[in-house]
Amino acid sequence: MAKKVLIIETSLRQDSNSDKLADSFSIGAKDAGNEVEVVSLKGKNIGFCTGCFACQKLGYCTIKDDANEVTEKILEADVVVWSTPIYYYEMSGQMKTMIDRANSLYPRDYKFRDVYLLSVAAEDEDYVDEHAVGGVQGWVDCFEKAEFKGKVFAGGVNDQGDIEGHKALKEAYEMGRSV
């Protein structure tokens, strides 16, 4: 049965390495017969959560910006894939801001069950994305029907295009096919 896969690209760099990783996952998921939508945070107006918790009662955030639209897409997806560059051993700030702003999902009947992380960094050590993985796992832990299914990390990529030919592109494709 085909799944509805939502890939959220959080890099603000045009043609970023993490976007390329997301593209590979997307192609794999499509090749497996899934419906795939890619949403980029580039050009989106997404403000910080104010912690008012109105979203818990209303089912949406009271801040009028692009976060509610992205949150609704997360709500309706079967699979959520976060794609991010690693900044200072952590997910990008815009990814964390979007996760915080998706707080209205908590009391709602969300559909997603599987969550994945795709990340890239200039450093090439295996531990570089541990904090980002922990952040995504922490988000997933708040949703009892969801599970963190896996990650693909591409280290040693910094400049635009560095990811070309990287083994992580194939890993992302295969992970997408396995959805």
N, C-alpha and C. Protein backbone atom coordinates (compact mmCIF):
# COMPACT_ATOMS: atom_id res chain seq x y z
N MET A 1 0.84 -1.19 0.00
CA MET A 1 0.00 0.00 0.00
C MET A 1 0.89 1.25 0.00
N ALA A 2 0.62 2.14 -0.91
CA ALA A 2 1.40 3.36 -1.03
C ALA A 2 1.21 4.24 0.20
N LYS A 3 2.29 4.89 0.59
CA LYS A 3 2.26 5.80 1.73
C LYS A 3 2.42 7.23 1.24
N LYS A 4 1.92 8.14 2.04
CA LYS A 4 2.09 9.56 1.78
C LYS A 4 3.33 10.02 2.54
N VAL A 5 4.38 10.35 1.79
CA VAL A 5 5.67 10.70 2.36
C VAL A 5 5.87 12.22 2.25
N LEU A 6 6.18 12.86 3.37
CA LEU A 6 6.47 14.28 3.39
C LEU A 6 7.94 14.47 3.74
N ILE A 7 8.67 15.13 2.86
CA ILE A 7 10.08 15.45 3.11
C ILE A 7 10.17 16.94 3.36
N ILE A 8 10.72 17.32 4.50
CA ILE A 8 10.87 18.72 4.86
C ILE A 8 12.34 19.10 4.77
N GLU A 9 12.65 19.91 3.77
CA GLU A 9 14.02 20.40 3.57
C GLU A 9 14.19 21.67 4.41
N THR A 10 15.16 21.65 5.33
CA THR A 10 15.30 22.78 6.25
C THR A 10 16.49 23.67 5.94
N SER A 11 17.30 23.31 4.96
CA SER A 11 18.43 24.16 4.60
C SER A 11 17.92 25.39 3.86
N LEU A 12 18.52 26.53 4.14
CA LEU A 12 18.15 27.75 3.43
C LEU A 12 19.09 28.03 2.27
N ARG A 13 20.09 27.18 2.09
CA ARG A 13 21.03 27.32 0.97
C ARG A 13 20.38 26.75 -0.30
N GLN A 14 20.48 27.49 -1.39
CA GLN A 14 19.96 27.01 -2.67
C GLN A 14 20.76 25.80 -3.12
N ASP A 15 20.10 24.76 -3.63
CA ASP A 15 20.75 23.54 -4.11
C ASP A 15 21.73 22.98 -3.07
N SER A 16 21.28 22.90 -1.85
CA SER A 16 22.15 22.48 -0.75
C SER A 16 22.45 20.98 -0.81
N ASN A 17 23.48 20.59 -0.10
CA ASN A 17 23.84 19.18 -0.01
C ASN A 17 22.73 18.37 0.67
N SER A 18 22.09 18.93 1.70
CA SER A 18 21.00 18.20 2.36
C SER A 18 19.79 18.07 1.45
N ASP A 19 19.57 19.07 0.58
CA ASP A 19 18.49 18.96 -0.41
C ASP A 19 18.77 17.82 -1.38
N LYS A 20 20.02 17.67 -1.78
CA LYS A 20 20.40 16.58 -2.69
C LYS A 20 20.17 15.22 -2.02
N LEU A 21 20.45 15.14 -0.74
CA LEU A 21 20.20 13.91 0.01
C LEU A 21 18.69 13.63 0.05
N ALA A 22 17.91 14.68 0.27
CA ALA A 22 16.45 14.55 0.27
C ALA A 22 15.94 14.12 -1.11
N ASP A 23 16.55 14.65 -2.16
CA ASP A 23 16.16 14.25 -3.52
C ASP A 23 16.34 12.75 -3.73
N SER A 24 17.45 12.21 -3.24
CA SER A 24 17.71 10.77 -3.39
C SER A 24 16.67 9.95 -2.64
N PHE A 25 16.34 10.37 -1.42
CA PHE A 25 15.31 9.68 -0.64
C PHE A 25 13.98 9.74 -1.40
N SER A 26 13.66 10.91 -1.92
CA SER A 26 12.42 11.11 -2.65
C SER A 26 12.31 10.18 -3.86
N ILE A 27 13.38 10.09 -4.63
CA ILE A 27 13.38 9.23 -5.81
C ILE A 27 13.16 7.77 -5.40
N GLY A 28 13.84 7.35 -4.34
CA GLY A 28 13.66 5.98 -3.86
C GLY A 28 12.24 5.72 -3.41
N ALA A 29 11.65 6.66 -2.66
CA ALA A 29 10.28 6.50 -2.18
C ALA A 29 9.29 6.46 -3.34
N LYS A 30 9.52 7.31 -4.35
CA LYS A 30 8.64 7.30 -5.53
C LYS A 30 8.79 6.00 -6.31
N ASP A 31 10.05 5.53 -6.46
CA ASP A 31 10.28 4.27 -7.17
C ASP A 31 9.58 3.10 -6.48
N ALA A 32 9.37 3.21 -5.18
CA ALA A 32 8.67 2.16 -4.44
C ALA A 32 7.16 2.33 -4.51
N GLY A 33 6.68 3.35 -5.23
CA GLY A 33 5.24 3.52 -5.43
C GLY A 33 4.56 4.44 -4.44
N ASN A 34 5.32 5.18 -3.67
CA ASN A 34 4.74 6.08 -2.68
C ASN A 34 4.46 7.45 -3.27
N GLU A 35 3.54 8.16 -2.64
CA GLU A 35 3.24 9.55 -2.99
C GLU A 35 4.19 10.42 -2.17
N VAL A 36 4.97 11.26 -2.83
CA VAL A 36 5.99 12.05 -2.14
C VAL A 36 5.74 13.54 -2.37
N GLU A 37 5.79 14.30 -1.29
CA GLU A 37 5.75 15.75 -1.36
C GLU A 37 6.98 16.29 -0.65
N VAL A 38 7.65 17.22 -1.30
CA VAL A 38 8.81 17.87 -0.71
C VAL A 38 8.44 19.30 -0.40
N VAL A 39 8.66 19.70 0.85
CA VAL A 39 8.41 21.07 1.28
C VAL A 39 9.74 21.65 1.73
N SER A 40 10.08 22.79 1.18
CA SER A 40 11.31 23.49 1.57
C SER A 40 10.95 24.65 2.49
N LEU A 41 11.77 24.87 3.50
CA LEU A 41 11.56 26.02 4.37
C LEU A 41 12.15 27.30 3.77
N LYS A 42 12.85 27.16 2.63
CA LYS A 42 13.38 28.35 1.94
C LYS A 42 12.23 29.29 1.58
N GLY A 43 12.39 30.54 1.92
CA GLY A 43 11.39 31.54 1.57
C GLY A 43 10.15 31.54 2.45
N LYS A 44 10.08 30.63 3.40
CA LYS A 44 8.93 30.57 4.30
C LYS A 44 9.15 31.53 5.47
N ASN A 45 8.07 32.11 5.93
CA ASN A 45 8.09 32.96 7.10
C ASN A 45 7.63 32.11 8.28
N ILE A 46 8.57 31.73 9.13
CA ILE A 46 8.25 30.87 10.27
C ILE A 46 8.88 31.48 11.51
N GLY A 47 8.03 32.05 12.36
CA GLY A 47 8.50 32.69 13.58
C GLY A 47 8.67 31.70 14.72
N PHE A 48 9.25 32.19 15.78
CA PHE A 48 9.50 31.35 16.96
C PHE A 48 8.22 31.08 17.74
N CYS A 49 8.13 29.92 18.34
CA CYS A 49 7.04 29.57 19.25
C CYS A 49 7.14 30.50 20.47
N THR A 50 5.99 31.00 20.91
CA THR A 50 5.97 31.88 22.08
C THR A 50 5.63 31.12 23.36
N GLY A 51 5.33 29.84 23.25
CA GLY A 51 5.03 29.04 24.43
C GLY A 51 3.68 29.34 25.05
N CYS A 52 2.76 29.89 24.30
CA CYS A 52 1.45 30.26 24.85
C CYS A 52 0.52 29.04 25.03
N PHE A 53 0.81 27.97 24.31
CA PHE A 53 0.03 26.72 24.35
C PHE A 53 -1.41 26.85 23.85
N ALA A 54 -1.75 27.96 23.19
CA ALA A 54 -3.08 28.09 22.60
C ALA A 54 -3.32 26.98 21.58
N CYS A 55 -2.25 26.55 20.91
CA CYS A 55 -2.38 25.50 19.89
C CYS A 55 -2.91 24.19 20.47
N GLN A 56 -2.66 23.96 21.73
CA GLN A 56 -3.13 22.73 22.36
C GLN A 56 -4.66 22.70 22.47
N LYS A 57 -5.26 23.86 22.56
CA LYS A 57 -6.72 23.96 22.64
C LYS A 57 -7.35 24.15 21.27
N LEU A 58 -6.67 24.96 20.42
CA LEU A 58 -7.25 25.32 19.13
C LEU A 58 -6.95 24.32 18.02
N GLY A 59 -5.84 23.60 18.12
CA GLY A 59 -5.44 22.67 17.06
C GLY A 59 -4.61 23.34 15.99
N TYR A 60 -4.27 24.58 16.18
CA TYR A 60 -3.39 25.32 15.26
C TYR A 60 -2.73 26.44 16.05
N CYS A 61 -1.63 26.93 15.50
CA CYS A 61 -0.89 28.02 16.13
C CYS A 61 -1.57 29.35 15.82
N THR A 62 -1.58 30.25 16.79
CA THR A 62 -2.20 31.56 16.60
C THR A 62 -1.30 32.53 15.84
N ILE A 63 -0.02 32.19 15.67
CA ILE A 63 0.88 33.03 14.89
C ILE A 63 0.53 32.82 13.42
N LYS A 64 0.28 33.89 12.73
CA LYS A 64 -0.14 33.82 11.32
C LYS A 64 1.08 33.88 10.41
N ASP A 65 1.63 32.72 10.12
CA ASP A 65 2.75 32.63 9.18
C ASP A 65 2.69 31.28 8.50
N ASP A 66 3.77 30.85 7.88
CA ASP A 66 3.77 29.63 7.08
C ASP A 66 3.85 28.32 7.89
N ALA A 67 4.08 28.40 9.18
CA ALA A 67 4.23 27.19 9.98
C ALA A 67 2.97 26.34 10.03
N ASN A 68 1.81 26.97 10.07
CA ASN A 68 0.56 26.19 10.12
C ASN A 68 0.37 25.34 8.87
N GLU A 69 0.72 25.88 7.71
CA GLU A 69 0.60 25.13 6.46
C GLU A 69 1.51 23.90 6.49
N VAL A 70 2.74 24.06 6.94
CA VAL A 70 3.67 22.93 7.02
C VAL A 70 3.17 21.92 8.05
N THR A 71 2.67 22.41 9.17
CA THR A 71 2.16 21.53 10.22
C THR A 71 1.01 20.67 9.71
N GLU A 72 0.13 21.25 8.92
CA GLU A 72 -1.00 20.48 8.37
C GLU A 72 -0.50 19.38 7.44
N LYS A 73 0.56 19.65 6.71
CA LYS A 73 1.14 18.63 5.84
C LYS A 73 1.74 17.49 6.69
N ILE A 74 2.37 17.83 7.80
CA ILE A 74 2.91 16.81 8.71
C ILE A 74 1.76 15.96 9.25
N LEU A 75 0.69 16.60 9.65
CA LEU A 75 -0.49 15.93 10.21
C LEU A 75 -1.02 14.84 9.28
N GLU A 76 -1.04 15.13 7.97
CA GLU A 76 -1.64 14.24 6.99
C GLU A 76 -0.69 13.20 6.40
N ALA A 77 0.60 13.32 6.68
CA ALA A 77 1.59 12.40 6.11
C ALA A 77 1.63 11.08 6.90
N ASP A 78 1.94 10.01 6.20
CA ASP A 78 2.20 8.72 6.86
C ASP A 78 3.65 8.64 7.32
N VAL A 79 4.52 9.29 6.55
CA VAL A 79 5.96 9.27 6.80
C VAL A 79 6.47 10.71 6.77
N VAL A 80 7.27 11.09 7.77
CA VAL A 80 7.86 12.42 7.83
C VAL A 80 9.38 12.26 7.77
N VAL A 81 9.99 13.00 6.85
CA VAL A 81 11.44 12.96 6.67
C VAL A 81 11.97 14.38 6.86
N TRP A 82 12.84 14.55 7.83
CA TRP A 82 13.49 15.84 8.06
C TRP A 82 14.86 15.80 7.40
N SER A 83 15.18 16.83 6.64
CA SER A 83 16.48 16.94 5.99
C SER A 83 17.15 18.23 6.46
N THR A 84 18.38 18.11 7.00
CA THR A 84 19.01 19.29 7.60
C THR A 84 20.53 19.28 7.46
N PRO A 85 21.10 20.45 7.31
CA PRO A 85 22.55 20.55 7.51
C PRO A 85 22.80 20.52 9.03
N ILE A 86 23.95 20.07 9.41
CA ILE A 86 24.33 20.08 10.82
C ILE A 86 25.12 21.35 11.09
N TYR A 87 24.64 22.13 12.03
CA TYR A 87 25.31 23.36 12.45
C TYR A 87 25.75 23.18 13.90
N TYR A 88 27.03 23.27 14.15
CA TYR A 88 27.56 23.13 15.51
C TYR A 88 27.04 21.86 16.18
N TYR A 89 27.10 20.75 15.44
CA TYR A 89 26.73 19.42 15.94
C TYR A 89 25.25 19.29 16.28
N GLU A 90 24.41 20.07 15.63
CA GLU A 90 22.98 20.05 15.91
C GLU A 90 22.20 20.33 14.63
N MET A 91 20.90 20.04 14.65
CA MET A 91 20.03 20.35 13.52
C MET A 91 20.03 21.86 13.30
N SER A 92 19.65 22.28 12.10
CA SER A 92 19.59 23.71 11.80
C SER A 92 18.56 24.38 12.70
N GLY A 93 18.76 25.66 12.95
CA GLY A 93 17.83 26.42 13.78
C GLY A 93 16.44 26.46 13.18
N GLN A 94 16.36 26.55 11.86
CA GLN A 94 15.05 26.60 11.22
C GLN A 94 14.30 25.28 11.35
N MET A 95 15.03 24.17 11.41
CA MET A 95 14.38 22.88 11.64
C MET A 95 13.82 22.83 13.06
N LYS A 96 14.63 23.24 14.02
CA LYS A 96 14.16 23.23 15.41
C LYS A 96 12.97 24.16 15.59
N THR A 97 13.01 25.32 14.94
CA THR A 97 11.89 26.25 15.03
C THR A 97 10.62 25.63 14.45
N MET A 98 10.74 24.93 13.33
CA MET A 98 9.57 24.28 12.73
C MET A 98 9.04 23.17 13.63
N ILE A 99 9.94 22.40 14.22
CA ILE A 99 9.50 21.35 15.16
C ILE A 99 8.73 21.98 16.32
N ASP A 100 9.26 23.06 16.88
CA ASP A 100 8.56 23.73 17.98
C ASP A 100 7.20 24.24 17.55
N ARG A 101 7.12 24.78 16.36
CA ARG A 101 5.88 25.36 15.87
C ARG A 101 4.85 24.29 15.50
N ALA A 102 5.27 23.05 15.36
CA ALA A 102 4.34 21.96 15.06
C ALA A 102 3.73 21.38 16.34
N ASN A 103 3.81 22.13 17.42
CA ASN A 103 3.30 21.68 18.71
C ASN A 103 1.80 21.40 18.70
N SER A 104 1.08 22.00 17.77
CA SER A 104 -0.37 21.76 17.70
C SER A 104 -0.70 20.33 17.31
N LEU A 105 0.28 19.58 16.80
CA LEU A 105 0.05 18.19 16.43
C LEU A 105 -0.17 17.30 17.65
N TYR A 106 0.41 17.67 18.76
CA TYR A 106 0.42 16.80 19.94
C TYR A 106 -0.96 16.25 20.33
N PRO A 107 -1.98 17.08 20.50
CA PRO A 107 -3.27 16.52 20.90
C PRO A 107 -4.15 16.05 19.74
N ARG A 108 -3.66 16.17 18.54
CA ARG A 108 -4.48 15.86 17.36
C ARG A 108 -4.28 14.42 16.88
N ASP A 109 -5.13 14.00 15.97
CA ASP A 109 -5.07 12.65 15.43
C ASP A 109 -4.14 12.63 14.21
N TYR A 110 -2.84 12.72 14.48
CA TYR A 110 -1.83 12.73 13.44
C TYR A 110 -1.76 11.35 12.78
N LYS A 111 -1.34 11.32 11.52
CA LYS A 111 -1.26 10.07 10.77
C LYS A 111 0.14 9.48 10.72
N PHE A 112 1.16 10.32 10.89
CA PHE A 112 2.52 9.82 10.69
C PHE A 112 2.88 8.76 11.73
N ARG A 113 3.56 7.74 11.22
CA ARG A 113 4.04 6.65 12.06
C ARG A 113 5.56 6.51 11.98
N ASP A 114 6.10 6.83 10.83
CA ASP A 114 7.54 6.66 10.60
C ASP A 114 8.19 8.02 10.39
N VAL A 115 9.32 8.23 11.07
CA VAL A 115 10.06 9.48 10.97
C VAL A 115 11.52 9.14 10.67
N TYR A 116 12.10 9.89 9.72
CA TYR A 116 13.49 9.69 9.30
C TYR A 116 14.23 11.02 9.39
N LEU A 117 15.56 10.93 9.47
CA LEU A 117 16.41 12.11 9.46
C LEU A 117 17.50 11.94 8.41
N LEU A 118 17.65 12.96 7.59
CA LEU A 118 18.74 13.04 6.62
C LEU A 118 19.58 14.24 7.01
N SER A 119 20.90 14.07 7.13
CA SER A 119 21.73 15.19 7.56
C SER A 119 23.07 15.17 6.86
N VAL A 120 23.65 16.37 6.77
CA VAL A 120 24.97 16.55 6.15
C VAL A 120 25.79 17.48 7.03
N ALA A 121 27.11 17.29 6.98
CA ALA A 121 28.00 18.16 7.75
C ALA A 121 29.38 18.19 7.12
N ALA A 122 30.10 19.24 7.41
CA ALA A 122 31.48 19.36 6.95
C ALA A 122 32.37 18.32 7.61
N GLU A 123 32.13 18.07 8.89
CA GLU A 123 32.89 17.06 9.61
C GLU A 123 32.46 15.67 9.16
N ASP A 124 33.39 14.73 9.25
CA ASP A 124 33.11 13.39 8.72
C ASP A 124 33.06 12.32 9.80
N GLU A 125 33.03 12.69 11.06
CA GLU A 125 32.97 11.69 12.13
C GLU A 125 31.53 11.21 12.33
N ASP A 126 31.38 9.93 12.69
CA ASP A 126 30.05 9.34 12.85
C ASP A 126 29.19 10.02 13.91
N TYR A 127 29.80 10.60 14.92
CA TYR A 127 29.05 11.17 16.03
C TYR A 127 28.53 12.59 15.76
N VAL A 128 28.89 13.19 14.64
CA VAL A 128 28.59 14.59 14.36
C VAL A 128 27.09 14.89 14.47
N ASP A 129 26.25 13.98 14.06
CA ASP A 129 24.80 14.26 14.04
C ASP A 129 24.06 13.68 15.25
N GLU A 130 24.78 13.23 16.28
CA GLU A 130 24.12 12.62 17.44
C GLU A 130 23.10 13.53 18.10
N HIS A 131 23.43 14.82 18.24
CA HIS A 131 22.49 15.74 18.89
C HIS A 131 21.25 15.94 18.03
N ALA A 132 21.42 16.01 16.73
CA ALA A 132 20.27 16.16 15.84
C ALA A 132 19.39 14.92 15.92
N VAL A 133 20.01 13.74 15.94
CA VAL A 133 19.24 12.50 16.08
C VAL A 133 18.48 12.53 17.41
N GLY A 134 19.15 12.96 18.48
CA GLY A 134 18.49 13.06 19.78
C GLY A 134 17.33 14.03 19.77
N GLY A 135 17.48 15.14 19.06
CA GLY A 135 16.39 16.11 18.96
C GLY A 135 15.19 15.56 18.23
N VAL A 136 15.44 14.85 17.13
CA VAL A 136 14.33 14.23 16.39
C VAL A 136 13.71 13.12 17.22
N GLN A 137 14.53 12.33 17.90
CA GLN A 137 14.00 11.26 18.75
C GLN A 137 13.14 11.85 19.87
N GLY A 138 13.58 12.97 20.44
CA GLY A 138 12.79 13.63 21.47
C GLY A 138 11.43 14.07 20.96
N TRP A 139 11.41 14.58 19.71
CA TRP A 139 10.14 14.98 19.10
C TRP A 139 9.26 13.74 18.89
N VAL A 140 9.83 12.69 18.34
CA VAL A 140 9.09 11.45 18.08
C VAL A 140 8.54 10.86 19.38
N ASP A 141 9.32 10.93 20.44
CA ASP A 141 8.90 10.38 21.73
C ASP A 141 7.60 11.01 22.25
N CYS A 142 7.29 12.20 21.78
CA CYS A 142 6.05 12.88 22.19
C CYS A 142 4.82 12.34 21.46
N PHE A 143 5.04 11.51 20.47
CA PHE A 143 3.95 10.97 19.66
C PHE A 143 3.97 9.44 19.76
N GLU A 144 3.14 8.90 20.63
CA GLU A 144 3.21 7.48 20.97
C GLU A 144 2.97 6.52 19.79
N LYS A 145 2.31 6.99 18.73
CA LYS A 145 2.07 6.12 17.57
C LYS A 145 3.20 6.20 16.55
N ALA A 146 4.16 7.10 16.78
CA ALA A 146 5.26 7.30 15.83
C ALA A 146 6.53 6.61 16.29
N GLU A 147 7.41 6.37 15.31
CA GLU A 147 8.69 5.71 15.60
C GLU A 147 9.79 6.34 14.74
N PHE A 148 10.94 6.57 15.35
CA PHE A 148 12.11 7.02 14.59
C PHE A 148 12.66 5.79 13.89
N LYS A 149 12.61 5.80 12.55
CA LYS A 149 12.95 4.61 11.78
C LYS A 149 14.39 4.57 11.31
N GLY A 150 15.05 5.73 11.22
CA GLY A 150 16.43 5.68 10.77
C GLY A 150 16.94 7.01 10.27
N LYS A 151 18.23 7.00 9.95
CA LYS A 151 18.89 8.21 9.49
C LYS A 151 19.91 7.88 8.43
N VAL A 152 20.22 8.89 7.64
CA VAL A 152 21.35 8.84 6.72
C VAL A 152 22.16 10.09 6.98
N PHE A 153 23.45 9.92 7.20
CA PHE A 153 24.36 11.04 7.46
C PHE A 153 25.43 11.08 6.39
N ALA A 154 25.64 12.26 5.82
CA ALA A 154 26.71 12.46 4.84
C ALA A 154 27.72 13.42 5.44
N GLY A 155 28.85 12.89 5.85
CA GLY A 155 29.91 13.72 6.41
C GLY A 155 30.93 14.10 5.35
N GLY A 156 31.68 15.15 5.64
CA GLY A 156 32.71 15.59 4.72
C GLY A 156 32.19 16.41 3.57
N VAL A 157 30.97 16.94 3.71
CA VAL A 157 30.41 17.79 2.67
C VAL A 157 30.13 19.17 3.27
N ASN A 158 30.68 20.18 2.64
CA ASN A 158 30.52 21.53 3.14
C ASN A 158 30.08 22.48 2.03
N ASP A 159 30.90 22.57 1.00
CA ASP A 159 30.59 23.48 -0.09
C ASP A 159 29.49 22.91 -0.98
N GLN A 160 28.79 23.79 -1.61
CA GLN A 160 27.71 23.39 -2.51
C GLN A 160 28.23 22.38 -3.53
N GLY A 161 27.54 21.25 -3.65
CA GLY A 161 27.92 20.22 -4.60
C GLY A 161 28.87 19.17 -4.07
N ASP A 162 29.40 19.36 -2.85
CA ASP A 162 30.34 18.39 -2.29
C ASP A 162 29.75 16.99 -2.16
N ILE A 163 28.44 16.89 -2.10
CA ILE A 163 27.80 15.59 -1.89
C ILE A 163 27.79 14.72 -3.15
N GLU A 164 28.05 15.31 -4.30
CA GLU A 164 28.02 14.53 -5.54
C GLU A 164 28.93 13.31 -5.42
N GLY A 165 28.38 12.14 -5.71
CA GLY A 165 29.14 10.89 -5.65
C GLY A 165 29.29 10.31 -4.25
N HIS A 166 28.76 10.97 -3.23
CA HIS A 166 28.89 10.49 -1.84
C HIS A 166 28.04 9.23 -1.66
N LYS A 167 28.55 8.27 -0.90
CA LYS A 167 27.83 7.01 -0.65
C LYS A 167 26.48 7.22 0.03
N ALA A 168 26.32 8.33 0.76
CA ALA A 168 25.06 8.60 1.46
C ALA A 168 23.90 8.81 0.49
N LEU A 169 24.18 9.25 -0.73
CA LEU A 169 23.10 9.41 -1.71
C LEU A 169 22.43 8.08 -2.02
N LYS A 170 23.24 7.04 -2.18
CA LYS A 170 22.70 5.69 -2.42
C LYS A 170 21.96 5.19 -1.18
N GLU A 171 22.53 5.44 0.00
CA GLU A 171 21.87 5.04 1.25
C GLU A 171 20.50 5.71 1.38
N ALA A 172 20.44 7.00 1.04
CA ALA A 172 19.16 7.71 1.12
C ALA A 172 18.16 7.15 0.12
N TYR A 173 18.63 6.85 -1.08
CA TYR A 173 17.76 6.26 -2.10
C TYR A 173 17.19 4.93 -1.58
N GLU A 174 18.07 4.08 -1.07
CA GLU A 174 17.63 2.76 -0.57
C GLU A 174 16.68 2.90 0.63
N MET A 175 16.94 3.86 1.50
CA MET A 175 16.04 4.08 2.63
C MET A 175 14.68 4.52 2.13
N GLY A 176 14.66 5.41 1.14
CA GLY A 176 13.41 5.84 0.54
C GLY A 176 12.65 4.67 -0.10
N ARG A 177 13.36 3.80 -0.76
CA ARG A 177 12.71 2.62 -1.37
C ARG A 177 12.12 1.68 -0.33
N SER A 178 12.69 1.69 0.86
CA SER A 178 12.23 0.77 1.91
C SER A 178 11.02 1.28 2.69
N VAL A 179 10.61 2.51 2.41
CA VAL A 179 9.49 3.10 3.14
C VAL A 179 8.22 2.31 2.88
